[in-house]
Amino acid sequence: MSDQSRNRILERMREGLQATPHPGSDFSVLAEKQWPPEARVKMLRQRLESVNGQVHLCSREGWVAELQNLLSGKAVSNLLYAPGTEHGSELERSWPGDDAGLPSLLSTMEEDVDFRERVFDVDASLTGTIGGIAETGTLILWPTPREPRLMSLAPPVHVALLDAVNIHNTFWEAINQRQWADGMPTNALLISGPSKTADIEQHLSYGVHGPKELIVLIRE
């Protein structure tokens, strides 16, 4: 095909695009998806547990004690956390000493320690979330320099703290209510269960590309 013929074809395509107005997006079907708060909690929990996630309901004041009970029965010797965050400060104040038989706390901001090396040697990590999505059973994480993305990707056990009031009905609602278009981190994480993969024979394996266990504490 000659350059002249190709240019004529492309010109006709451009004219066709200009003559056809782009239809507006209709999100009314998503806006209609509304559930009461207690139903959103139940739905998110069911979705996560259906893919081998562990969900525990607790009070705002009792989440650290619940975490201690959960980790005391696991082979976890240390817990990585982010100091300076609200949940990190609560953890520091309420966590007993090393002689209590609980995992020792490891800080992401410890001086003279390379975080990127440490994160692959810890047994468990604790991160906050900015919300959840009931429809899909998804956690929303916005990593920060203090609480990096690797905290939710590298350790074998990931504990995520979620406030029930921050559970949205749909992904569309979360994007709009939190005004994601006005500014996002370099990467946002949507987590819908522990890491899993399957081979050609459909044998499902957990923890191959990330945490083997996902524990979600929902503060009601």
N, C-alpha and C. Protein backbone atom coordinates (compact mmCIF):
# COMPACT_ATOMS: atom_id res chain seq x y z
N MET A 1 0.85 -1.19 0.00
CA MET A 1 0.00 0.00 0.00
C MET A 1 0.88 1.25 0.00
N SER A 2 0.55 2.18 -0.86
CA SER A 2 1.33 3.40 -0.96
C SER A 2 1.03 4.32 0.23
N ASP A 3 1.93 5.26 0.48
CA ASP A 3 1.73 6.21 1.57
C ASP A 3 0.48 7.04 1.35
N GLN A 4 0.20 7.36 0.08
CA GLN A 4 -0.97 8.18 -0.20
C GLN A 4 -2.27 7.44 0.13
N SER A 5 -2.34 6.16 -0.22
CA SER A 5 -3.53 5.37 0.09
C SER A 5 -3.71 5.20 1.59
N ARG A 6 -2.62 4.94 2.28
CA ARG A 6 -2.71 4.79 3.73
C ARG A 6 -3.18 6.07 4.39
N ASN A 7 -2.68 7.19 3.93
CA ASN A 7 -3.07 8.47 4.51
C ASN A 7 -4.55 8.76 4.28
N ARG A 8 -5.07 8.37 3.09
CA ARG A 8 -6.50 8.59 2.83
C ARG A 8 -7.35 7.75 3.78
N ILE A 9 -6.93 6.50 3.99
CA ILE A 9 -7.67 5.62 4.90
C ILE A 9 -7.67 6.18 6.32
N LEU A 10 -6.50 6.61 6.78
CA LEU A 10 -6.40 7.16 8.12
C LEU A 10 -7.22 8.44 8.28
N GLU A 11 -7.24 9.25 7.21
CA GLU A 11 -8.00 10.49 7.26
C GLU A 11 -9.50 10.21 7.37
N ARG A 12 -9.97 9.20 6.64
CA ARG A 12 -11.39 8.84 6.73
C ARG A 12 -11.73 8.31 8.13
N MET A 13 -10.81 7.57 8.73
CA MET A 13 -11.03 7.06 10.08
C MET A 13 -11.11 8.21 11.09
N ARG A 14 -10.25 9.19 10.94
CA ARG A 14 -10.27 10.34 11.85
C ARG A 14 -11.55 11.12 11.70
N GLU A 15 -12.01 11.30 10.46
CA GLU A 15 -13.26 12.02 10.24
C GLU A 15 -14.44 11.29 10.87
N GLY A 16 -14.41 9.94 10.79
CA GLY A 16 -15.47 9.17 11.38
C GLY A 16 -15.50 9.29 12.90
N LEU A 17 -14.32 9.34 13.51
CA LEU A 17 -14.25 9.49 14.95
C LEU A 17 -14.76 10.85 15.39
N GLN A 18 -14.43 11.88 14.64
CA GLN A 18 -14.87 13.23 14.99
C GLN A 18 -16.37 13.38 14.82
N ALA A 19 -16.94 12.65 13.89
CA ALA A 19 -18.36 12.79 13.63
C ALA A 19 -19.21 12.02 14.63
N THR A 20 -18.58 11.10 15.37
CA THR A 20 -19.32 10.29 16.34
C THR A 20 -19.02 10.77 17.76
N PRO A 21 -19.97 11.42 18.43
CA PRO A 21 -19.72 11.89 19.79
C PRO A 21 -19.52 10.73 20.76
N HIS A 22 -18.63 10.92 21.69
CA HIS A 22 -18.35 9.87 22.67
C HIS A 22 -19.49 9.81 23.68
N PRO A 23 -20.10 8.66 23.84
CA PRO A 23 -21.23 8.56 24.79
C PRO A 23 -20.75 8.75 26.22
N GLY A 24 -21.56 9.39 27.04
CA GLY A 24 -21.23 9.56 28.44
C GLY A 24 -21.33 8.24 29.19
N SER A 25 -20.56 8.13 30.25
CA SER A 25 -20.56 6.90 31.05
C SER A 25 -21.75 6.91 32.01
N ASP A 26 -22.42 5.80 32.08
CA ASP A 26 -23.58 5.67 32.96
C ASP A 26 -23.23 4.74 34.12
N PHE A 27 -23.06 5.33 35.31
CA PHE A 27 -22.70 4.55 36.48
C PHE A 27 -23.89 4.35 37.42
N SER A 28 -25.09 4.58 36.91
CA SER A 28 -26.27 4.48 37.77
C SER A 28 -26.43 3.07 38.36
N VAL A 29 -26.05 2.05 37.59
CA VAL A 29 -26.20 0.68 38.10
C VAL A 29 -25.29 0.45 39.30
N LEU A 30 -24.15 1.14 39.35
CA LEU A 30 -23.25 1.02 40.49
C LEU A 30 -23.73 1.87 41.66
N ALA A 31 -24.26 3.05 41.34
CA ALA A 31 -24.74 3.93 42.40
C ALA A 31 -25.92 3.31 43.14
N GLU A 32 -26.64 2.42 42.48
CA GLU A 32 -27.80 1.79 43.11
C GLU A 32 -27.41 0.69 44.09
N LYS A 33 -26.17 0.26 44.05
CA LYS A 33 -25.73 -0.81 44.94
C LYS A 33 -25.43 -0.21 46.31
N GLN A 34 -26.40 -0.28 47.19
CA GLN A 34 -26.28 0.28 48.54
C GLN A 34 -26.75 -0.76 49.56
N TRP A 35 -25.90 -1.00 50.56
CA TRP A 35 -26.24 -1.91 51.63
C TRP A 35 -26.03 -1.22 52.97
N PRO A 36 -26.78 -1.57 54.00
CA PRO A 36 -26.57 -0.98 55.32
C PRO A 36 -25.20 -1.38 55.88
N PRO A 37 -24.67 -0.63 56.85
CA PRO A 37 -23.32 -0.90 57.37
C PRO A 37 -23.10 -2.33 57.82
N GLU A 38 -24.05 -2.90 58.57
CA GLU A 38 -23.84 -4.26 59.07
C GLU A 38 -23.82 -5.28 57.93
N ALA A 39 -24.56 -5.01 56.85
CA ALA A 39 -24.54 -5.91 55.70
C ALA A 39 -23.22 -5.80 54.95
N ARG A 40 -22.64 -4.61 54.91
CA ARG A 40 -21.34 -4.45 54.24
C ARG A 40 -20.25 -5.24 54.98
N VAL A 41 -20.29 -5.19 56.30
CA VAL A 41 -19.31 -5.95 57.08
C VAL A 41 -19.47 -7.45 56.80
N LYS A 42 -20.70 -7.91 56.84
CA LYS A 42 -20.97 -9.34 56.61
C LYS A 42 -20.55 -9.77 55.21
N MET A 43 -20.85 -8.94 54.22
CA MET A 43 -20.53 -9.28 52.84
C MET A 43 -19.02 -9.35 52.62
N LEU A 44 -18.30 -8.34 53.12
CA LEU A 44 -16.85 -8.34 52.97
C LEU A 44 -16.24 -9.56 53.66
N ARG A 45 -16.75 -9.88 54.83
CA ARG A 45 -16.22 -11.03 55.56
C ARG A 45 -16.46 -12.32 54.79
N GLN A 46 -17.65 -12.50 54.27
CA GLN A 46 -17.95 -13.71 53.51
C GLN A 46 -17.07 -13.84 52.28
N ARG A 47 -16.87 -12.74 51.58
CA ARG A 47 -16.04 -12.76 50.37
C ARG A 47 -14.60 -13.15 50.71
N LEU A 48 -14.04 -12.57 51.76
CA LEU A 48 -12.66 -12.86 52.12
C LEU A 48 -12.50 -14.29 52.62
N GLU A 49 -13.43 -14.74 53.45
CA GLU A 49 -13.31 -16.09 53.98
C GLU A 49 -13.51 -17.16 52.91
N SER A 50 -14.23 -16.81 51.84
CA SER A 50 -14.44 -17.78 50.77
C SER A 50 -13.16 -18.06 49.99
N VAL A 51 -12.14 -17.18 50.13
CA VAL A 51 -10.86 -17.39 49.44
C VAL A 51 -9.73 -17.60 50.44
N ASN A 52 -10.10 -18.15 51.62
CA ASN A 52 -9.12 -18.56 52.63
C ASN A 52 -8.57 -17.40 53.45
N GLY A 53 -9.22 -16.25 53.41
CA GLY A 53 -8.84 -15.17 54.31
C GLY A 53 -9.43 -15.41 55.69
N GLN A 54 -8.82 -14.81 56.71
CA GLN A 54 -9.31 -14.94 58.08
C GLN A 54 -9.79 -13.57 58.54
N VAL A 55 -11.02 -13.49 58.98
CA VAL A 55 -11.62 -12.22 59.38
C VAL A 55 -12.11 -12.34 60.82
N HIS A 56 -11.74 -11.34 61.63
CA HIS A 56 -12.14 -11.32 63.03
C HIS A 56 -12.70 -9.95 63.37
N LEU A 57 -13.85 -9.93 64.02
CA LEU A 57 -14.47 -8.69 64.45
C LEU A 57 -14.00 -8.37 65.86
N CYS A 58 -13.72 -7.11 66.12
CA CYS A 58 -13.25 -6.70 67.43
C CYS A 58 -13.65 -5.26 67.69
N SER A 59 -13.49 -4.83 68.91
CA SER A 59 -13.79 -3.45 69.26
C SER A 59 -12.58 -2.57 68.96
N ARG A 60 -12.81 -1.27 68.93
CA ARG A 60 -11.70 -0.35 68.68
C ARG A 60 -10.67 -0.42 69.81
N GLU A 61 -11.14 -0.68 71.03
CA GLU A 61 -10.21 -0.73 72.16
C GLU A 61 -9.57 -2.10 72.31
N GLY A 62 -10.19 -3.14 71.76
CA GLY A 62 -9.71 -4.50 72.03
C GLY A 62 -8.96 -5.17 70.90
N TRP A 63 -8.61 -4.43 69.84
CA TRP A 63 -8.00 -5.08 68.68
C TRP A 63 -6.60 -5.60 68.99
N VAL A 64 -5.84 -4.91 69.84
CA VAL A 64 -4.49 -5.39 70.15
C VAL A 64 -4.56 -6.71 70.93
N ALA A 65 -5.48 -6.79 71.88
CA ALA A 65 -5.64 -8.05 72.62
C ALA A 65 -6.08 -9.18 71.69
N GLU A 66 -6.94 -8.87 70.73
CA GLU A 66 -7.36 -9.89 69.76
C GLU A 66 -6.17 -10.35 68.91
N LEU A 67 -5.33 -9.40 68.53
CA LEU A 67 -4.14 -9.75 67.75
C LEU A 67 -3.19 -10.63 68.56
N GLN A 68 -3.04 -10.32 69.83
CA GLN A 68 -2.18 -11.14 70.68
C GLN A 68 -2.71 -12.58 70.76
N ASN A 69 -4.00 -12.73 70.90
CA ASN A 69 -4.58 -14.07 70.97
C ASN A 69 -4.38 -14.85 69.67
N LEU A 70 -4.52 -14.16 68.55
CA LEU A 70 -4.37 -14.83 67.26
C LEU A 70 -2.93 -15.27 67.01
N LEU A 71 -1.98 -14.41 67.33
CA LEU A 71 -0.58 -14.72 67.03
C LEU A 71 0.02 -15.69 68.04
N SER A 72 -0.54 -15.76 69.24
CA SER A 72 0.01 -16.66 70.25
C SER A 72 -0.12 -18.13 69.84
N GLY A 73 -1.07 -18.42 68.97
CA GLY A 73 -1.25 -19.79 68.52
C GLY A 73 -0.56 -20.10 67.22
N LYS A 74 0.26 -19.20 66.73
CA LYS A 74 0.96 -19.41 65.46
C LYS A 74 2.46 -19.41 65.68
N ALA A 75 3.18 -20.00 64.74
CA ALA A 75 4.64 -20.03 64.81
C ALA A 75 5.19 -18.72 64.28
N VAL A 76 4.94 -17.66 65.02
CA VAL A 76 5.37 -16.31 64.64
C VAL A 76 6.27 -15.76 65.73
N SER A 77 7.51 -15.48 65.40
CA SER A 77 8.47 -15.00 66.41
C SER A 77 8.61 -13.48 66.41
N ASN A 78 8.21 -12.82 65.32
CA ASN A 78 8.33 -11.37 65.29
C ASN A 78 7.22 -10.77 64.43
N LEU A 79 6.96 -9.50 64.68
CA LEU A 79 5.88 -8.78 64.00
C LEU A 79 6.41 -7.42 63.56
N LEU A 80 6.35 -7.16 62.27
CA LEU A 80 6.82 -5.90 61.72
C LEU A 80 5.67 -4.89 61.72
N TYR A 81 5.95 -3.67 62.18
CA TYR A 81 4.92 -2.64 62.26
C TYR A 81 5.52 -1.29 61.90
N ALA A 82 4.64 -0.32 61.69
CA ALA A 82 5.07 1.02 61.30
C ALA A 82 4.88 1.98 62.47
N PRO A 83 5.95 2.40 63.14
CA PRO A 83 5.81 3.36 64.23
C PRO A 83 5.40 4.73 63.68
N GLY A 84 4.74 5.50 64.53
CA GLY A 84 4.32 6.82 64.09
C GLY A 84 2.93 6.84 63.49
N THR A 85 2.42 5.67 63.09
CA THR A 85 1.04 5.59 62.62
C THR A 85 0.13 5.44 63.84
N GLU A 86 -1.15 5.68 63.66
CA GLU A 86 -2.08 5.57 64.79
C GLU A 86 -2.09 4.16 65.35
N HIS A 87 -2.22 3.17 64.45
CA HIS A 87 -2.26 1.79 64.94
C HIS A 87 -0.90 1.33 65.46
N GLY A 88 0.19 1.87 64.87
CA GLY A 88 1.51 1.51 65.36
C GLY A 88 1.74 2.01 66.78
N SER A 89 1.27 3.22 67.07
CA SER A 89 1.42 3.77 68.42
C SER A 89 0.57 2.98 69.42
N GLU A 90 -0.64 2.59 69.02
CA GLU A 90 -1.49 1.79 69.90
C GLU A 90 -0.84 0.44 70.19
N LEU A 91 -0.23 -0.14 69.18
CA LEU A 91 0.44 -1.43 69.35
C LEU A 91 1.59 -1.32 70.34
N GLU A 92 2.39 -0.27 70.21
CA GLU A 92 3.53 -0.07 71.11
C GLU A 92 3.08 0.07 72.56
N ARG A 93 2.00 0.82 72.77
CA ARG A 93 1.54 1.07 74.15
C ARG A 93 0.99 -0.19 74.81
N SER A 94 0.38 -1.07 74.03
CA SER A 94 -0.33 -2.20 74.62
C SER A 94 0.42 -3.53 74.53
N TRP A 95 1.52 -3.56 73.79
CA TRP A 95 2.22 -4.84 73.60
C TRP A 95 3.10 -5.14 74.80
N PRO A 96 3.00 -6.36 75.37
CA PRO A 96 3.84 -6.71 76.53
C PRO A 96 5.29 -6.95 76.13
N GLY A 97 6.12 -7.19 77.12
CA GLY A 97 7.53 -7.44 76.86
C GLY A 97 7.78 -8.77 76.20
N ASP A 98 9.04 -8.99 75.82
CA ASP A 98 9.40 -10.22 75.12
C ASP A 98 9.19 -11.46 75.97
N ASP A 99 9.17 -11.31 77.29
CA ASP A 99 9.03 -12.47 78.17
C ASP A 99 7.59 -12.96 78.27
N ALA A 100 6.66 -12.32 77.53
CA ALA A 100 5.26 -12.72 77.59
C ALA A 100 4.94 -13.85 76.63
N GLY A 101 5.92 -14.31 75.88
CA GLY A 101 5.70 -15.40 74.95
C GLY A 101 5.05 -14.98 73.65
N LEU A 102 5.02 -13.68 73.39
CA LEU A 102 4.43 -13.16 72.16
C LEU A 102 5.53 -12.73 71.20
N PRO A 103 5.20 -12.56 69.91
CA PRO A 103 6.22 -12.12 68.94
C PRO A 103 6.83 -10.79 69.36
N SER A 104 8.10 -10.63 69.09
CA SER A 104 8.77 -9.36 69.35
C SER A 104 8.42 -8.37 68.24
N LEU A 105 8.36 -7.10 68.57
CA LEU A 105 8.01 -6.07 67.61
C LEU A 105 9.24 -5.58 66.86
N LEU A 106 9.12 -5.46 65.56
CA LEU A 106 10.19 -4.94 64.72
C LEU A 106 9.69 -3.69 64.01
N SER A 107 10.46 -2.63 64.08
CA SER A 107 10.05 -1.36 63.50
C SER A 107 10.54 -1.20 62.07
N THR A 108 9.72 -0.58 61.23
CA THR A 108 10.15 -0.30 59.86
C THR A 108 11.12 0.87 59.80
N MET A 109 11.20 1.65 60.88
CA MET A 109 12.02 2.87 60.87
C MET A 109 13.25 2.75 61.76
N GLU A 110 13.64 1.54 62.10
CA GLU A 110 14.80 1.36 62.96
C GLU A 110 16.07 1.83 62.25
N GLU A 111 16.87 2.58 62.96
CA GLU A 111 18.10 3.12 62.37
C GLU A 111 19.11 2.00 62.11
N ASP A 112 19.92 2.23 61.09
CA ASP A 112 21.01 1.32 60.73
C ASP A 112 20.52 -0.07 60.33
N VAL A 113 19.24 -0.17 59.94
CA VAL A 113 18.70 -1.45 59.47
C VAL A 113 18.09 -1.23 58.09
N ASP A 114 18.50 -2.03 57.12
CA ASP A 114 17.96 -1.93 55.77
C ASP A 114 16.60 -2.61 55.74
N PHE A 115 15.56 -1.82 55.58
CA PHE A 115 14.20 -2.37 55.60
C PHE A 115 14.01 -3.42 54.54
N ARG A 116 14.56 -3.22 53.35
CA ARG A 116 14.35 -4.16 52.25
C ARG A 116 14.94 -5.53 52.55
N GLU A 117 15.94 -5.59 53.39
CA GLU A 117 16.49 -6.88 53.80
C GLU A 117 15.68 -7.46 54.96
N ARG A 118 15.27 -6.61 55.87
CA ARG A 118 14.54 -7.08 57.05
C ARG A 118 13.20 -7.67 56.68
N VAL A 119 12.50 -7.06 55.73
CA VAL A 119 11.11 -7.44 55.47
C VAL A 119 10.99 -8.89 54.97
N PHE A 120 12.06 -9.43 54.39
CA PHE A 120 12.00 -10.80 53.90
C PHE A 120 12.40 -11.81 54.97
N ASP A 121 12.76 -11.32 56.15
CA ASP A 121 13.15 -12.22 57.24
C ASP A 121 12.14 -12.23 58.38
N VAL A 122 11.08 -11.44 58.30
CA VAL A 122 10.10 -11.40 59.38
C VAL A 122 9.01 -12.44 59.15
N ASP A 123 8.34 -12.80 60.23
CA ASP A 123 7.29 -13.82 60.15
C ASP A 123 5.92 -13.22 59.85
N ALA A 124 5.68 -12.01 60.34
CA ALA A 124 4.37 -11.39 60.17
C ALA A 124 4.50 -9.88 60.14
N SER A 125 3.51 -9.23 59.56
CA SER A 125 3.50 -7.77 59.53
C SER A 125 2.09 -7.27 59.80
N LEU A 126 2.02 -6.06 60.32
CA LEU A 126 0.74 -5.41 60.58
C LEU A 126 0.68 -4.12 59.78
N THR A 127 -0.38 -3.95 59.01
CA THR A 127 -0.58 -2.71 58.26
C THR A 127 -1.99 -2.19 58.51
N GLY A 128 -2.14 -0.90 58.29
CA GLY A 128 -3.46 -0.31 58.30
C GLY A 128 -4.07 -0.41 56.91
N THR A 129 -5.29 0.03 56.79
CA THR A 129 -5.97 0.12 55.50
C THR A 129 -6.71 1.46 55.47
N ILE A 130 -7.04 1.93 54.28
CA ILE A 130 -7.85 3.15 54.21
C ILE A 130 -9.31 2.80 53.96
N GLY A 131 -9.60 1.52 53.77
CA GLY A 131 -10.99 1.13 53.55
C GLY A 131 -11.10 -0.26 52.99
N GLY A 132 -12.34 -0.63 52.70
CA GLY A 132 -12.62 -1.93 52.10
C GLY A 132 -13.76 -1.81 51.11
N ILE A 133 -13.98 -2.86 50.32
CA ILE A 133 -15.04 -2.90 49.32
C ILE A 133 -15.89 -4.13 49.58
N ALA A 134 -17.14 -3.90 49.97
CA ALA A 134 -18.01 -5.01 50.34
C ALA A 134 -18.33 -5.92 49.16
N GLU A 135 -18.61 -5.34 48.02
CA GLU A 135 -19.06 -6.11 46.86
C GLU A 135 -18.05 -7.18 46.45
N THR A 136 -16.77 -6.88 46.56
CA THR A 136 -15.74 -7.81 46.10
C THR A 136 -14.91 -8.41 47.23
N GLY A 137 -15.14 -7.98 48.48
CA GLY A 137 -14.34 -8.49 49.58
C GLY A 137 -12.90 -8.05 49.47
N THR A 138 -12.69 -6.75 49.31
CA THR A 138 -11.36 -6.23 49.00
C THR A 138 -10.90 -5.22 50.05
N LEU A 139 -9.61 -5.26 50.38
CA LEU A 139 -8.99 -4.27 51.25
C LEU A 139 -8.27 -3.23 50.39
N ILE A 140 -8.30 -1.98 50.83
CA ILE A 140 -7.62 -0.90 50.11
C ILE A 140 -6.46 -0.42 50.96
N LEU A 141 -5.25 -0.51 50.42
CA LEU A 141 -4.05 -0.05 51.12
C LEU A 141 -3.37 1.04 50.31
N TRP A 142 -2.97 2.10 50.99
CA TRP A 142 -2.18 3.16 50.36
C TRP A 142 -0.82 3.19 51.05
N PRO A 143 0.19 2.54 50.49
CA PRO A 143 1.50 2.50 51.13
C PRO A 143 2.11 3.90 51.29
N THR A 144 2.94 4.03 52.31
CA THR A 144 3.66 5.27 52.58
C THR A 144 5.12 4.92 52.86
N PRO A 145 6.01 5.91 52.89
CA PRO A 145 7.41 5.61 53.25
C PRO A 145 7.53 4.97 54.63
N ARG A 146 6.62 5.31 55.53
CA ARG A 146 6.67 4.73 56.87
C ARG A 146 6.10 3.31 56.89
N GLU A 147 5.10 3.06 56.04
CA GLU A 147 4.48 1.74 55.94
C GLU A 147 4.54 1.29 54.48
N PRO A 148 5.70 0.82 54.03
CA PRO A 148 5.91 0.52 52.60
C PRO A 148 5.07 -0.64 52.08
N ARG A 149 4.98 -0.70 50.78
CA ARG A 149 4.19 -1.73 50.11
C ARG A 149 4.65 -3.14 50.45
N LEU A 150 5.96 -3.34 50.60
CA LEU A 150 6.49 -4.68 50.86
C LEU A 150 5.96 -5.29 52.15
N MET A 151 5.48 -4.48 53.06
CA MET A 151 4.96 -5.02 54.32
C MET A 151 3.77 -5.93 54.09
N SER A 152 3.01 -5.67 53.05
CA SER A 152 1.83 -6.49 52.75
C SER A 152 2.10 -7.54 51.69
N LEU A 153 3.32 -7.59 51.18
CA LEU A 153 3.64 -8.51 50.08
C LEU A 153 4.66 -9.58 50.44
N ALA A 154 5.58 -9.27 51.35
CA ALA A 154 6.70 -10.18 51.59
C ALA A 154 6.51 -11.14 52.77
N PRO A 155 6.10 -10.68 53.96
CA PRO A 155 6.01 -11.60 55.10
C PRO A 155 4.98 -12.71 54.87
N PRO A 156 5.20 -13.89 55.44
CA PRO A 156 4.27 -15.02 55.25
C PRO A 156 2.88 -14.75 55.82
N VAL A 157 2.80 -13.93 56.88
CA VAL A 157 1.52 -13.60 57.50
C VAL A 157 1.32 -12.09 57.43
N HIS A 158 0.21 -11.68 56.84
CA HIS A 158 -0.14 -10.25 56.77
C HIS A 158 -1.39 -10.01 57.59
N VAL A 159 -1.26 -9.12 58.58
CA VAL A 159 -2.41 -8.72 59.40
C VAL A 159 -2.82 -7.32 58.97
N ALA A 160 -4.07 -7.16 58.59
CA ALA A 160 -4.57 -5.86 58.13
C ALA A 160 -5.66 -5.37 59.08
N LEU A 161 -5.56 -4.11 59.46
CA LEU A 161 -6.52 -3.50 60.37
C LEU A 161 -7.49 -2.64 59.56
N LEU A 162 -8.79 -2.89 59.73
CA LEU A 162 -9.81 -2.20 58.95
C LEU A 162 -10.91 -1.69 59.87
N ASP A 163 -11.27 -0.43 59.71
CA ASP A 163 -12.40 0.14 60.45
C ASP A 163 -13.68 -0.11 59.67
N ALA A 164 -14.70 -0.63 60.37
CA ALA A 164 -15.96 -0.98 59.71
C ALA A 164 -16.60 0.22 59.02
N VAL A 165 -16.41 1.41 59.57
CA VAL A 165 -17.04 2.60 58.99
C VAL A 165 -16.42 2.96 57.63
N ASN A 166 -15.27 2.39 57.32
CA ASN A 166 -14.60 2.69 56.06
C ASN A 166 -14.85 1.64 54.98
N ILE A 167 -15.82 0.76 55.20
CA ILE A 167 -16.14 -0.24 54.18
C ILE A 167 -17.15 0.37 53.21
N HIS A 168 -16.76 0.45 51.95
CA HIS A 168 -17.60 1.01 50.90
C HIS A 168 -18.44 -0.09 50.25
N ASN A 169 -19.50 0.31 49.59
CA ASN A 169 -20.33 -0.65 48.88
C ASN A 169 -19.61 -1.22 47.66
N THR A 170 -19.06 -0.34 46.83
CA THR A 170 -18.42 -0.75 45.57
C THR A 170 -17.10 -0.02 45.37
N PHE A 171 -16.31 -0.51 44.44
CA PHE A 171 -15.06 0.15 44.07
C PHE A 171 -15.33 1.55 43.52
N TRP A 172 -16.37 1.67 42.72
CA TRP A 172 -16.75 2.97 42.16
C TRP A 172 -17.04 3.98 43.27
N GLU A 173 -17.75 3.54 44.29
CA GLU A 173 -18.06 4.43 45.41
C GLU A 173 -16.80 4.85 46.15
N ALA A 174 -15.88 3.91 46.36
CA ALA A 174 -14.64 4.24 47.05
C ALA A 174 -13.83 5.28 46.28
N ILE A 175 -13.74 5.12 44.98
CA ILE A 175 -12.99 6.07 44.15
C ILE A 175 -13.59 7.46 44.25
N ASN A 176 -14.91 7.55 44.22
CA ASN A 176 -15.57 8.86 44.23
C ASN A 176 -15.59 9.49 45.61
N GLN A 177 -15.92 8.75 46.63
CA GLN A 177 -16.00 9.33 47.96
C GLN A 177 -14.64 9.76 48.47
N ARG A 178 -13.61 9.03 48.13
CA ARG A 178 -12.27 9.36 48.59
C ARG A 178 -11.50 10.23 47.60
N GLN A 179 -12.15 10.58 46.49
CA GLN A 179 -11.58 11.51 45.51
C GLN A 179 -10.18 11.08 45.06
N TRP A 180 -10.11 9.86 44.59
CA TRP A 180 -8.83 9.33 44.14
C TRP A 180 -8.23 10.15 43.00
N ALA A 181 -9.07 10.77 42.19
CA ALA A 181 -8.57 11.52 41.05
C ALA A 181 -7.75 12.73 41.47
N ASP A 182 -7.92 13.18 42.71
CA ASP A 182 -7.21 14.37 43.19
C ASP A 182 -5.81 14.06 43.68
N GLY A 183 -5.45 12.82 43.78
CA GLY A 183 -4.11 12.49 44.24
C GLY A 183 -4.04 11.07 44.76
N MET A 184 -3.13 10.30 44.20
CA MET A 184 -2.95 8.91 44.61
C MET A 184 -1.49 8.68 44.96
N PRO A 185 -1.21 7.65 45.76
CA PRO A 185 0.19 7.30 46.01
C PRO A 185 0.80 6.71 44.74
N THR A 186 2.09 6.47 44.78
CA THR A 186 2.75 5.88 43.61
C THR A 186 2.18 4.51 43.28
N ASN A 187 1.62 3.84 44.30
CA ASN A 187 0.92 2.58 44.03
C ASN A 187 -0.13 2.37 45.10
N ALA A 188 -1.31 1.98 44.70
CA ALA A 188 -2.38 1.62 45.62
C ALA A 188 -2.59 0.12 45.51
N LEU A 189 -2.88 -0.52 46.63
CA LEU A 189 -3.03 -1.97 46.65
C LEU A 189 -4.47 -2.36 46.93
N LEU A 190 -4.99 -3.28 46.15
CA LEU A 190 -6.30 -3.87 46.37
C LEU A 190 -6.08 -5.35 46.67
N ILE A 191 -6.38 -5.76 47.89
CA ILE A 191 -6.09 -7.13 48.34
C ILE A 191 -7.40 -7.85 48.62
N SER A 192 -7.60 -8.97 47.97
CA SER A 192 -8.84 -9.73 48.11
C SER A 192 -8.61 -11.14 48.64
N GLY A 193 -7.52 -11.35 49.36
CA GLY A 193 -7.24 -12.66 49.94
C GLY A 193 -5.75 -12.91 49.98
N PRO A 194 -5.34 -14.02 50.58
CA PRO A 194 -3.92 -14.37 50.60
C PRO A 194 -3.43 -14.70 49.19
N SER A 195 -2.11 -14.69 49.02
CA SER A 195 -1.53 -15.01 47.73
C SER A 195 -1.84 -16.45 47.35
N LYS A 196 -2.26 -16.65 46.10
CA LYS A 196 -2.56 -18.02 45.67
C LYS A 196 -2.32 -18.15 44.16
N THR A 197 -2.05 -19.36 43.75
CA THR A 197 -1.85 -19.65 42.34
C THR A 197 -2.22 -21.11 42.10
N ALA A 198 -2.46 -21.45 40.84
CA ALA A 198 -2.84 -22.83 40.51
C ALA A 198 -2.07 -23.27 39.27
N ASP A 199 -1.74 -24.55 39.22
CA ASP A 199 -1.04 -25.07 38.06
C ASP A 199 -2.05 -25.56 37.03
N ILE A 200 -1.56 -26.17 35.97
CA ILE A 200 -2.43 -26.59 34.88
C ILE A 200 -3.42 -27.67 35.32
N GLU A 201 -3.07 -28.39 36.39
CA GLU A 201 -3.97 -29.42 36.91
C GLU A 201 -4.93 -28.86 37.96
N GLN A 202 -4.93 -27.53 38.12
CA GLN A 202 -5.84 -26.83 39.02
C GLN A 202 -5.58 -27.16 40.49
N HIS A 203 -4.34 -27.42 40.83
CA HIS A 203 -3.96 -27.60 42.22
C HIS A 203 -3.64 -26.23 42.80
N LEU A 204 -4.43 -25.79 43.77
CA LEU A 204 -4.30 -24.44 44.33
C LEU A 204 -3.26 -24.42 45.43
N SER A 205 -2.34 -23.47 45.34
CA SER A 205 -1.29 -23.32 46.34
C SER A 205 -1.33 -21.89 46.89
N TYR A 206 -1.07 -21.76 48.20
CA TYR A 206 -1.08 -20.44 48.84
C TYR A 206 0.33 -20.02 49.21
N GLY A 207 0.57 -18.73 49.15
CA GLY A 207 1.85 -18.18 49.59
C GLY A 207 2.97 -18.26 48.58
N VAL A 208 2.66 -18.52 47.34
CA VAL A 208 3.72 -18.65 46.33
C VAL A 208 4.31 -17.29 45.96
N HIS A 209 3.46 -16.30 45.80
CA HIS A 209 3.92 -14.98 45.36
C HIS A 209 3.64 -13.90 46.40
N GLY A 210 3.38 -14.27 47.63
CA GLY A 210 3.07 -13.30 48.67
C GLY A 210 2.67 -14.00 49.95
N PRO A 211 2.00 -13.29 50.86
CA PRO A 211 1.63 -13.89 52.15
C PRO A 211 0.76 -15.14 52.00
N LYS A 212 1.08 -16.13 52.81
CA LYS A 212 0.30 -17.36 52.82
C LYS A 212 -0.98 -17.19 53.63
N GLU A 213 -0.92 -16.29 54.61
CA GLU A 213 -2.09 -16.04 55.46
C GLU A 213 -2.43 -14.56 55.44
N LEU A 214 -3.71 -14.26 55.32
CA LEU A 214 -4.21 -12.90 55.45
C LEU A 214 -5.20 -12.88 56.61
N ILE A 215 -4.87 -12.09 57.63
CA ILE A 215 -5.72 -11.96 58.80
C ILE A 215 -6.24 -10.52 58.82
N VAL A 216 -7.56 -10.38 58.83
CA VAL A 216 -8.17 -9.06 58.82
C VAL A 216 -8.89 -8.83 60.15
N LEU A 217 -8.52 -7.76 60.82
CA LEU A 217 -9.20 -7.36 62.05
C LEU A 217 -10.11 -6.19 61.72
N ILE A 218 -11.41 -6.41 61.84
CA ILE A 218 -12.38 -5.35 61.56
C ILE A 218 -12.80 -4.72 62.88
N ARG A 219 -12.47 -3.46 63.06
CA ARG A 219 -12.85 -2.75 64.28
C ARG A 219 -14.26 -2.17 64.10
N GLU A 220 -15.18 -2.64 64.93
CA GLU A 220 -16.57 -2.20 64.81
C GLU A 220 -16.81 -1.00 65.71
